[in-house]
Amino acid sequence: MARLLLLICLICVPLIVVGVAMSALTRAAQDGRALARDIAAPGKGVTMERISYTALILLMLGVTSGLLGGL
């Protein structure tokens, strides 16, 4: 009985992982398209927001890569 349960888990877990990954990729693609539309047609006062987000992303990349923060 334990072997059967283990076999079922070994089959279900990879399927669940693939499903979650596909869902995340689909959501990322949708968000990317929406962001591209927003960038292509900017509204009022979003320039400073874009600069802030860009600076934040660069700061996070620098810290996580070790370029900033001194390893």
C-alpha atoms as a PDB file:
ATOM      1  CA  MET A   1       0.000   0.000   0.000  1.00  0.00           C
ATOM      2  CA  ALA A   2       2.840   2.390   0.837  1.00  0.00           C
ATOM      3  CA  ARG A   3       4.478   1.685  -2.514  1.00  0.00           C
ATOM      4  CA  LEU A   4       1.258   2.522  -4.332  1.00  0.00           C
ATOM      5  CA  LEU A   5       0.921   5.774  -2.417  1.00  0.00           C
ATOM      6  CA  LEU A   6       4.558   6.633  -3.169  1.00  0.00           C
ATOM      7  CA  LEU A   7       4.021   5.886  -6.864  1.00  0.00           C
ATOM      8  CA  ILE A   8       0.947   8.117  -6.958  1.00  0.00           C
ATOM      9  CA  CYS A   9       2.890  10.924  -5.267  1.00  0.00           C
ATOM     10  CA  LEU A  10       5.799  10.512  -7.697  1.00  0.00           C
ATOM     11  CA  ILE A  11       3.376  10.912 -10.591  1.00  0.00           C
ATOM     12  CA  CYS A  12       1.298  13.765  -9.141  1.00  0.00           C
ATOM     13  CA  VAL A  13       4.065  16.007  -7.786  1.00  0.00           C
ATOM     14  CA  PRO A  14       5.808  16.613 -11.158  1.00  0.00           C
ATOM     15  CA  LEU A  15       2.434  17.257 -12.781  1.00  0.00           C
ATOM     16  CA  ILE A  16       1.601  19.828 -10.127  1.00  0.00           C
ATOM     17  CA  VAL A  17       5.016  21.483 -10.503  1.00  0.00           C
ATOM     18  CA  VAL A  18       4.592  21.701 -14.281  1.00  0.00           C
ATOM     19  CA  GLY A  19       1.083  23.130 -13.844  1.00  0.00           C
ATOM     20  CA  VAL A  20       2.272  25.806 -11.434  1.00  0.00           C
ATOM     21  CA  ALA A  21       5.190  26.700 -13.717  1.00  0.00           C
ATOM     22  CA  MET A  22       2.922  26.994 -16.752  1.00  0.00           C
ATOM     23  CA  SER A  23       0.504  29.146 -14.788  1.00  0.00           C
ATOM     24  CA  ALA A  24       3.311  31.431 -13.656  1.00  0.00           C
ATOM     25  CA  LEU A  25       4.704  31.743 -17.176  1.00  0.00           C
ATOM     26  CA  THR A  26       1.275  32.501 -18.614  1.00  0.00           C
ATOM     27  CA  ARG A  27       0.651  35.146 -15.965  1.00  0.00           C
ATOM     28  CA  ALA A  28       4.101  36.671 -16.566  1.00  0.00           C
ATOM     29  CA  ALA A  29       3.425  36.857 -20.302  1.00  0.00           C
ATOM     30  CA  GLN A  30       0.075  38.570 -19.715  1.00  0.00           C
ATOM     31  CA  ASP A  31       1.620  41.047 -17.293  1.00  0.00           C
ATOM     32  CA  GLY A  32       4.458  41.704 -19.732  1.00  0.00           C
ATOM     33  CA  ARG A  33       2.021  42.486 -22.526  1.00  0.00           C
ATOM     34  CA  ALA A  34       0.055  44.804 -20.257  1.00  0.00           C
ATOM     35  CA  LEU A  35       3.252  46.556 -19.177  1.00  0.00           C
ATOM     36  CA  ALA A  36       4.360  46.965 -22.798  1.00  0.00           C
ATOM     37  CA  ARG A  37       1.009  48.564 -23.621  1.00  0.00           C
ATOM     38  CA  ASP A  38       1.379  50.954 -20.688  1.00  0.00           C
ATOM     39  CA  ILE A  39       4.905  51.906 -21.712  1.00  0.00           C
ATOM     40  CA  ALA A  40       3.855  52.495 -25.311  1.00  0.00           C
ATOM     41  CA  ALA A  41       1.057  54.865 -24.262  1.00  0.00           C
ATOM     42  CA  PRO A  42       2.273  56.767 -21.205  1.00  0.00           C
ATOM     43  CA  GLY A  43      -0.052  58.825 -19.086  1.00  0.00           C
ATOM     44  CA  LYS A  44       0.631  61.954 -17.072  1.00  0.00           C
ATOM     45  CA  GLY A  45       3.161  61.781 -14.261  1.00  0.00           C
ATOM     46  CA  VAL A  46       4.404  58.253 -14.878  1.00  0.00           C
ATOM     47  CA  THR A  47       7.941  59.285 -15.841  1.00  0.00           C
ATOM     48  CA  MET A  48       9.103  59.572 -12.242  1.00  0.00           C
ATOM     49  CA  GLU A  49       7.415  56.285 -11.399  1.00  0.00           C
ATOM     50  CA  ARG A  50       9.246  54.524 -14.229  1.00  0.00           C
ATOM     51  CA  ILE A  51      12.555  56.013 -13.178  1.00  0.00           C
ATOM     52  CA  SER A  52      11.937  54.882  -9.600  1.00  0.00           C
ATOM     53  CA  TYR A  53      11.055  51.332 -10.609  1.00  0.00           C
ATOM     54  CA  THR A  54      14.067  51.132 -12.915  1.00  0.00           C
ATOM     55  CA  ALA A  55      16.362  52.342 -10.136  1.00  0.00           C
ATOM     56  CA  LEU A  56      14.822  49.837  -7.728  1.00  0.00           C
ATOM     57  CA  ILE A  57      15.327  46.939 -10.136  1.00  0.00           C
ATOM     58  CA  LEU A  58      18.948  47.960 -10.760  1.00  0.00           C
ATOM     59  CA  LEU A  59      19.554  48.251  -7.019  1.00  0.00           C
ATOM     60  CA  MET A  60      18.046  44.805  -6.367  1.00  0.00           C
ATOM     61  CA  LEU A  61      20.112  43.237  -9.156  1.00  0.00           C
ATOM     62  CA  GLY A  62      23.270  44.868  -7.812  1.00  0.00           C
ATOM     63  CA  VAL A  63      22.654  43.674  -4.273  1.00  0.00           C
ATOM     64  CA  THR A  64      21.730  40.119  -5.230  1.00  0.00           C
ATOM     65  CA  SER A  65      24.648  39.733  -7.622  1.00  0.00           C
ATOM     66  CA  GLY A  66      27.110  41.034  -5.040  1.00  0.00           C
ATOM     67  CA  LEU A  67      28.169  44.062  -7.049  1.00  0.00           C
ATOM     68  CA  LEU A  68      26.619  46.276  -4.390  1.00  0.00           C
ATOM     69  CA  GLY A  69      26.845  45.436  -0.741  1.00  0.00           C
ATOM     70  CA  GLY A  70      30.397  44.101  -0.797  1.00  0.00           C
ATOM     71  CA  LEU A  71      30.813  40.360  -0.495  1.00  0.00           C
END
